[in-house]
């Protein structure tokens, strides 16, 4: 089996993307909720969620590009 068709690499990529998205969204929510608690507001958690989602998607795209670039070199 060629190294670029390894199912474990694909499974690792999918797992890494899922973990990155979950961590970024969770961290964004947590920071937003802390700002809400400190400022007495009720909308920063949504801002944190959106910022976390955008950061997670950007990170996932970078990870996919890196994975695709490594596959082309082999």
PDB file of N, CA and C in Angstrom:
ATOM      1  N   UNK A   1       0.849  -1.179   0.000  1.00  0.00           N
ATOM      2  CA  UNK A   1       0.000   0.000   0.000  1.00  0.00           C
ATOM      3  C   UNK A   1       0.894   1.241   0.000  1.00  0.00           C
ATOM      4  N   UNK A   2       0.653   2.171  -0.925  1.00  0.00           N
ATOM      5  CA  UNK A   2       1.436   3.408  -0.932  1.00  0.00           C
ATOM      6  C   UNK A   2       1.237   4.184   0.368  1.00  0.00           C
ATOM      7  N   UNK A   3       2.264   4.928   0.806  1.00  0.00           N
ATOM      8  CA  UNK A   3       2.159   5.632   2.086  1.00  0.00           C
ATOM      9  C   UNK A   3       1.052   6.687   2.124  1.00  0.00           C
ATOM     10  N   UNK A   4       0.666   7.247   0.961  1.00  0.00           N
ATOM     11  CA  UNK A   4      -0.375   8.282   0.977  1.00  0.00           C
ATOM     12  C   UNK A   4      -1.780   7.705   1.070  1.00  0.00           C
ATOM     13  N   UNK A   5      -1.919   6.366   1.010  1.00  0.00           N
ATOM     14  CA  UNK A   5      -3.232   5.740   1.130  1.00  0.00           C
ATOM     15  C   UNK A   5      -3.406   5.048   2.477  1.00  0.00           C
ATOM     16  N   UNK A   6      -2.598   5.404   3.441  1.00  0.00           N
ATOM     17  CA  UNK A   6      -2.682   4.803   4.763  1.00  0.00           C
ATOM     18  C   UNK A   6      -3.963   5.271   5.461  1.00  0.00           C
ATOM     19  N   UNK A   7      -4.856   4.343   5.804  1.00  0.00           N
ATOM     20  CA  UNK A   7      -6.115   4.752   6.444  1.00  0.00           C
ATOM     21  C   UNK A   7      -5.905   5.351   7.834  1.00  0.00           C
ATOM     22  N   UNK A   8      -4.822   4.986   8.505  1.00  0.00           N
ATOM     23  CA  UNK A   8      -4.555   5.545   9.833  1.00  0.00           C
ATOM     24  C   UNK A   8      -4.188   7.017   9.759  1.00  0.00           C
ATOM     25  N   UNK A   9      -3.497   7.417   8.697  1.00  0.00           N
ATOM     26  CA  UNK A   9      -3.193   8.852   8.514  1.00  0.00           C
ATOM     27  C   UNK A   9      -4.476   9.638   8.291  1.00  0.00           C
ATOM     28  N   UNK A  10      -5.380   9.091   7.492  1.00  0.00           N
ATOM     29  CA  UNK A  10      -6.659   9.758   7.248  1.00  0.00           C
ATOM     30  C   UNK A  10      -7.477   9.836   8.533  1.00  0.00           C
ATOM     31  N   UNK A  11      -7.491   8.760   9.303  1.00  0.00           N
ATOM     32  CA  UNK A  11      -8.221   8.763  10.574  1.00  0.00           C
ATOM     33  C   UNK A  11      -7.607   9.770  11.542  1.00  0.00           C
ATOM     34  N   UNK A  12      -6.303   9.857  11.555  1.00  0.00           N
ATOM     35  CA  UNK A  12      -5.628  10.832  12.407  1.00  0.00           C
ATOM     36  C   UNK A  12      -5.958  12.259  12.007  1.00  0.00           C
ATOM     37  N   UNK A  13      -6.027  12.515  10.709  1.00  0.00           N
ATOM     38  CA  UNK A  13      -6.370  13.851  10.222  1.00  0.00           C
ATOM     39  C   UNK A  13      -7.788  14.235  10.639  1.00  0.00           C
ATOM     40  N   UNK A  14      -8.730  13.333  10.442  1.00  0.00           N
ATOM     41  CA  UNK A  14     -10.121  13.606  10.808  1.00  0.00           C
ATOM     42  C   UNK A  14     -10.246  13.836  12.310  1.00  0.00           C
ATOM     43  N   UNK A  15      -9.548  13.035  13.090  1.00  0.00           N
ATOM     44  CA  UNK A  15      -9.579  13.196  14.542  1.00  0.00           C
ATOM     45  C   UNK A  15      -8.980  14.534  14.956  1.00  0.00           C
ATOM     46  N   UNK A  16      -7.855  14.891  14.361  1.00  0.00           N
ATOM     47  CA  UNK A  16      -7.207  16.163  14.687  1.00  0.00           C
ATOM     48  C   UNK A  16      -8.098  17.350  14.333  1.00  0.00           C
ATOM     49  N   UNK A  17      -8.775  17.269  13.208  1.00  0.00           N
ATOM     50  CA  UNK A  17      -9.666  18.358  12.805  1.00  0.00           C
ATOM     51  C   UNK A  17     -10.818  18.488  13.805  1.00  0.00           C
ATOM     52  N   UNK A  18     -11.399  17.386  14.190  1.00  0.00           N
ATOM     53  CA  UNK A  18     -12.496  17.419  15.156  1.00  0.00           C
ATOM     54  C   UNK A  18     -12.070  17.976  16.500  1.00  0.00           C
ATOM     55  N   UNK A  19     -10.901  17.559  16.962  1.00  0.00           N
ATOM     56  CA  UNK A  19     -10.399  18.052  18.251  1.00  0.00           C
ATOM     57  C   UNK A  19     -10.096  19.547  18.170  1.00  0.00           C
ATOM     58  N   UNK A  20      -9.470  19.977  17.090  1.00  0.00           N
ATOM     59  CA  UNK A  20      -9.162  21.402  16.924  1.00  0.00           C
ATOM     60  C   UNK A  20     -10.424  22.249  16.933  1.00  0.00           C
ATOM     61  N   UNK A  21     -11.432  21.830  16.185  1.00  0.00           N
ATOM     62  CA  UNK A  21     -12.682  22.589  16.157  1.00  0.00           C
ATOM     63  C   UNK A  21     -13.326  22.644  17.532  1.00  0.00           C
ATOM     64  N   UNK A  22     -13.372  21.502  18.219  1.00  0.00           N
ATOM     65  CA  UNK A  22     -13.990  21.463  19.539  1.00  0.00           C
ATOM     66  C   UNK A  22     -13.246  22.348  20.534  1.00  0.00           C
ATOM     67  N   UNK A  23     -11.928  22.295  20.517  1.00  0.00           N
ATOM     68  CA  UNK A  23     -11.138  23.100  21.454  1.00  0.00           C
ATOM     69  C   UNK A  23     -11.296  24.590  21.144  1.00  0.00           C
ATOM     70  N   UNK A  24     -11.226  24.970  19.885  1.00  0.00           N
ATOM     71  CA  UNK A  24     -11.347  26.392  19.524  1.00  0.00           C
ATOM     72  C   UNK A  24     -12.725  26.945  19.878  1.00  0.00           C
ATOM     73  N   UNK A  25     -13.770  26.206  19.547  1.00  0.00           N
ATOM     74  CA  UNK A  25     -15.124  26.671  19.861  1.00  0.00           C
ATOM     75  C   UNK A  25     -15.331  26.699  21.371  1.00  0.00           C
ATOM     76  N   UNK A  26     -14.882  25.669  22.069  1.00  0.00           N
ATOM     77  CA  UNK A  26     -15.019  25.636  23.523  1.00  0.00           C
ATOM     78  C   UNK A  26     -14.254  26.756  24.199  1.00  0.00           C
ATOM     79  N   UNK A  27     -13.057  27.012  23.742  1.00  0.00           N
ATOM     80  CA  UNK A  27     -12.257  28.090  24.321  1.00  0.00           C
ATOM     81  C   UNK A  27     -12.887  29.454  24.029  1.00  0.00           C
ATOM     82  N   UNK A  28     -13.403  29.628  22.818  1.00  0.00           N
ATOM     83  CA  UNK A  28     -14.089  30.876  22.481  1.00  0.00           C
ATOM     84  C   UNK A  28     -15.314  31.091  23.345  1.00  0.00           C
ATOM     85  N   UNK A  29     -16.098  30.048  23.547  1.00  0.00           N
ATOM     86  CA  UNK A  29     -17.267  30.149  24.421  1.00  0.00           C
ATOM     87  C   UNK A  29     -16.850  30.488  25.849  1.00  0.00           C
ATOM     88  N   UNK A  30     -15.820  29.817  26.347  1.00  0.00           N
ATOM     89  CA  UNK A  30     -15.369  30.026  27.722  1.00  0.00           C
ATOM     90  C   UNK A  30     -14.905  31.472  27.937  1.00  0.00           C
ATOM     91  N   UNK A  31     -14.118  32.001  27.007  1.00  0.00           N
ATOM     92  CA  UNK A  31     -13.644  33.384  27.119  1.00  0.00           C
ATOM     93  C   UNK A  31     -14.835  34.342  27.050  1.00  0.00           C
ATOM     94  N   UNK A  32     -15.757  34.093  26.119  1.00  0.00           N
ATOM     95  CA  UNK A  32     -16.937  34.952  26.003  1.00  0.00           C
ATOM     96  C   UNK A  32     -17.809  34.901  27.246  1.00  0.00           C
ATOM     97  N   UNK A  33     -17.993  33.709  27.805  1.00  0.00           N
ATOM     98  CA  UNK A  33     -18.802  33.578  29.024  1.00  0.00           C
ATOM     99  C   UNK A  33     -18.131  34.295  30.193  1.00  0.00           C
ATOM    100  N   UNK A  34     -16.813  34.235  30.276  1.00  0.00           N
ATOM    101  CA  UNK A  34     -16.096  34.944  31.342  1.00  0.00           C
ATOM    102  C   UNK A  34     -16.260  36.456  31.173  1.00  0.00           C
ATOM    103  N   UNK A  35     -16.222  36.934  29.935  1.00  0.00           N
ATOM    104  CA  UNK A  35     -16.434  38.371  29.699  1.00  0.00           C
ATOM    105  C   UNK A  35     -17.858  38.766  30.069  1.00  0.00           C
ATOM    106  N   UNK A  36     -18.822  37.919  29.737  1.00  0.00           N
ATOM    107  CA  UNK A  36     -20.209  38.188  30.136  1.00  0.00           C
ATOM    108  C   UNK A  36     -20.338  38.267  31.653  1.00  0.00           C
ATOM    109  N   UNK A  37     -19.742  37.335  32.337  1.00  0.00           N
ATOM    110  CA  UNK A  37     -19.813  37.293  33.801  1.00  0.00           C
ATOM    111  C   UNK A  37     -19.171  38.550  34.403  1.00  0.00           C
ATOM    112  N   UNK A  38     -18.036  38.962  33.865  1.00  0.00           N
ATOM    113  CA  UNK A  38     -17.328  40.122  34.409  1.00  0.00           C
ATOM    114  C   UNK A  38     -18.018  41.447  34.072  1.00  0.00           C
ATOM    115  N   UNK A  39     -18.661  41.528  32.913  1.00  0.00           N
ATOM    116  CA  UNK A  39     -19.255  42.785  32.464  1.00  0.00           C
ATOM    117  C   UNK A  39     -20.765  42.858  32.663  1.00  0.00           C
ATOM    118  N   UNK A  40     -21.384  41.770  33.099  1.00  0.00           N
ATOM    119  CA  UNK A  40     -22.832  41.759  33.277  1.00  0.00           C
ATOM    120  C   UNK A  40     -23.600  41.792  31.968  1.00  0.00           C
ATOM    121  N   UNK A  41     -23.000  41.278  30.904  1.00  0.00           N
ATOM    122  CA  UNK A  41     -23.643  41.251  29.589  1.00  0.00           C
ATOM    123  C   UNK A  41     -24.105  39.837  29.282  1.00  0.00           C
ATOM    124  N   UNK A  42     -24.749  39.678  28.129  1.00  0.00           N
ATOM    125  CA  UNK A  42     -25.210  38.338  27.765  1.00  0.00           C
ATOM    126  C   UNK A  42     -24.996  38.029  26.284  1.00  0.00           C
ATOM    127  N   UNK A  43     -24.030  38.664  25.649  1.00  0.00           N
ATOM    128  CA  UNK A  43     -23.811  38.423  24.222  1.00  0.00           C
ATOM    129  C   UNK A  43     -22.376  38.039  23.885  1.00  0.00           C
ATOM    130  N   UNK A  44     -21.422  38.236  24.797  1.00  0.00           N
ATOM    131  CA  UNK A  44     -20.029  37.934  24.472  1.00  0.00           C
ATOM    132  C   UNK A  44     -19.791  36.449  24.230  1.00  0.00           C
ATOM    133  N   UNK A  45     -20.599  35.597  24.860  1.00  0.00           N
ATOM    134  CA  UNK A  45     -20.393  34.170  24.621  1.00  0.00           C
ATOM    135  C   UNK A  45     -20.654  33.818  23.161  1.00  0.00           C
ATOM    136  N   UNK A  46     -21.619  34.517  22.535  1.00  0.00           N
ATOM    137  CA  UNK A  46     -21.873  34.288  21.110  1.00  0.00           C
ATOM    138  C   UNK A  46     -20.715  34.784  20.254  1.00  0.00           C
ATOM    139  N   UNK A  47     -20.177  35.926  20.619  1.00  0.00           N
ATOM    140  CA  UNK A  47     -19.005  36.451  19.906  1.00  0.00           C
ATOM    141  C   UNK A  47     -17.850  35.457  20.044  1.00  0.00           C
ATOM    142  N   UNK A  48     -17.648  34.942  21.248  1.00  0.00           N
ATOM    143  CA  UNK A  48     -16.591  33.960  21.477  1.00  0.00           C
ATOM    144  C   UNK A  48     -16.798  32.693  20.659  1.00  0.00           C
ATOM    145  N   UNK A  49     -18.048  32.239  20.579  1.00  0.00           N
ATOM    146  CA  UNK A  49     -18.343  31.051  19.770  1.00  0.00           C
ATOM    147  C   UNK A  49     -17.994  31.270  18.301  1.00  0.00           C
ATOM    148  N   UNK A  50     -18.384  32.418  17.767  1.00  0.00           N
ATOM    149  CA  UNK A  50     -18.123  32.707  16.355  1.00  0.00           C
ATOM    150  C   UNK A  50     -16.622  32.845  16.098  1.00  0.00           C
ATOM    151  N   UNK A  51     -15.940  33.574  16.972  1.00  0.00           N
ATOM    152  CA  UNK A  51     -14.490  33.735  16.810  1.00  0.00           C
ATOM    153  C   UNK A  51     -13.793  32.382  16.924  1.00  0.00           C
ATOM    154  N   UNK A  52     -14.224  31.559  17.875  1.00  0.00           N
ATOM    155  CA  UNK A  52     -13.650  30.221  18.027  1.00  0.00           C
ATOM    156  C   UNK A  52     -13.909  29.348  16.817  1.00  0.00           C
ATOM    157  N   UNK A  53     -15.109  29.440  16.253  1.00  0.00           N
ATOM    158  CA  UNK A  53     -15.434  28.655  15.064  1.00  0.00           C
ATOM    159  C   UNK A  53     -14.582  29.084  13.872  1.00  0.00           C
ATOM    160  N   UNK A  54     -14.437  30.381  13.689  1.00  0.00           N
ATOM    161  CA  UNK A  54     -13.604  30.889  12.581  1.00  0.00           C
ATOM    162  C   UNK A  54     -12.151  30.450  12.771  1.00  0.00           C
ATOM    163  N   UNK A  55     -11.647  30.554  14.004  1.00  0.00           N
ATOM    164  CA  UNK A  55     -10.270  30.121  14.276  1.00  0.00           C
ATOM    165  C   UNK A  55     -10.121  28.621  14.039  1.00  0.00           C
ATOM    166  N   UNK A  56     -11.109  27.837  14.458  1.00  0.00           N
ATOM    167  CA  UNK A  56     -11.059  26.392  14.252  1.00  0.00           C
ATOM    168  C   UNK A  56     -11.083  26.017  12.781  1.00  0.00           C
ATOM    169  N   UNK A  57     -11.908  26.697  12.020  1.00  0.00           N
ATOM    170  CA  UNK A  57     -11.971  26.414  10.583  1.00  0.00           C
ATOM    171  C   UNK A  57     -10.654  26.793   9.912  1.00  0.00           C
ATOM    172  N   UNK A  58     -10.107  27.944  10.284  1.00  0.00           N
ATOM    173  CA  UNK A  58      -8.814  28.346   9.726  1.00  0.00           C
ATOM    174  C   UNK A  58      -7.714  27.359  10.058  1.00  0.00           C
ATOM    175  N   UNK A  59      -7.722  26.884  11.282  1.00  0.00           N
ATOM    176  CA  UNK A  59      -6.732  25.901  11.707  1.00  0.00           C
ATOM    177  C   UNK A  59      -6.922  24.577  10.962  1.00  0.00           C
ATOM    178  N   UNK A  60      -8.169  24.184  10.766  1.00  0.00           N
ATOM    179  CA  UNK A  60      -8.447  22.942  10.041  1.00  0.00           C
ATOM    180  C   UNK A  60      -8.001  23.049   8.583  1.00  0.00           C
ATOM    181  N   UNK A  61      -8.235  24.191   7.974  1.00  0.00           N
ATOM    182  CA  UNK A  61      -7.803  24.395   6.581  1.00  0.00           C
ATOM    183  C   UNK A  61      -6.281  24.307   6.485  1.00  0.00           C
ATOM    184  N   UNK A  62      -5.592  24.936   7.437  1.00  0.00           N
ATOM    185  CA  UNK A  62      -4.128  24.873   7.438  1.00  0.00           C
ATOM    186  C   UNK A  62      -3.640  23.436   7.614  1.00  0.00           C
ATOM    187  N   UNK A  63      -4.304  22.687   8.472  1.00  0.00           N
ATOM    188  CA  UNK A  63      -3.925  21.294   8.698  1.00  0.00           C
ATOM    189  C   UNK A  63      -4.159  20.451   7.441  1.00  0.00           C
ATOM    190  N   UNK A  64      -5.264  20.685   6.768  1.00  0.00           N
ATOM    191  CA  UNK A  64      -5.559  19.942   5.536  1.00  0.00           C
ATOM    192  C   UNK A  64      -4.547  20.296   4.447  1.00  0.00           C
ATOM    193  N   UNK A  65      -4.203  21.582   4.340  1.00  0.00           N
ATOM    194  CA  UNK A  65      -3.195  21.983   3.344  1.00  0.00           C
ATOM    195  C   UNK A  65      -1.850  21.326   3.629  1.00  0.00           C
ATOM    196  N   UNK A  66      -1.486  21.280   4.903  1.00  0.00           N
ATOM    197  CA  UNK A  66      -0.221  20.636   5.270  1.00  0.00           C
ATOM    198  C   UNK A  66      -0.267  19.152   4.920  1.00  0.00           C
ATOM    199  N   UNK A  67      -1.371  18.496   5.234  1.00  0.00           N
ATOM    200  CA  UNK A  67      -1.533  17.071   4.941  1.00  0.00           C
ATOM    201  C   UNK A  67      -1.491  16.838   3.426  1.00  0.00           C
ATOM    202  N   UNK A  68      -2.164  17.665   2.656  1.00  0.00           N
ATOM    203  CA  UNK A  68      -2.181  17.509   1.208  1.00  0.00           C
ATOM    204  C   UNK A  68      -0.810  17.780   0.604  1.00  0.00           C
ATOM    205  N   UNK A  69      -0.071  18.750   1.174  1.00  0.00           N
ATOM    206  CA  UNK A  69       1.266  19.047   0.696  1.00  0.00           C
ATOM    207  C   UNK A  69       2.235  17.909   0.955  1.00  0.00           C
ATOM    208  N   UNK A  70       2.110  17.253   2.116  1.00  0.00           N
ATOM    209  CA  UNK A  70       2.957  16.102   2.427  1.00  0.00           C
ATOM    210  C   UNK A  70       2.648  14.937   1.486  1.00  0.00           C
ATOM    211  N   UNK A  71       1.386  14.782   1.120  1.00  0.00           N
ATOM    212  CA  UNK A  71       1.006  13.694   0.218  1.00  0.00           C
ATOM    213  C   UNK A  71       1.599  13.914  -1.166  1.00  0.00           C
ATOM    214  N   UNK A  72       1.683  15.158  -1.615  1.00  0.00           N
ATOM    215  CA  UNK A  72       2.223  15.438  -2.959  1.00  0.00           C
ATOM    216  C   UNK A  72       3.722  15.156  -3.021  1.00  0.00           C
ATOM    217  N   UNK A  73       4.426  15.348  -1.911  1.00  0.00           N
ATOM    218  CA  UNK A  73       5.878  15.164  -1.890  1.00  0.00           C
ATOM    219  C   UNK A  73       6.265  13.696  -1.945  1.00  0.00           C
ATOM    220  N   UNK A  74       5.402  12.809  -1.514  1.00  0.00           N
ATOM    221  CA  UNK A  74       5.777  11.383  -1.437  1.00  0.00           C
ATOM    222  C   UNK A  74       5.644  10.691  -2.758  1.00  0.00           C
TER     223      UNK A  74
END
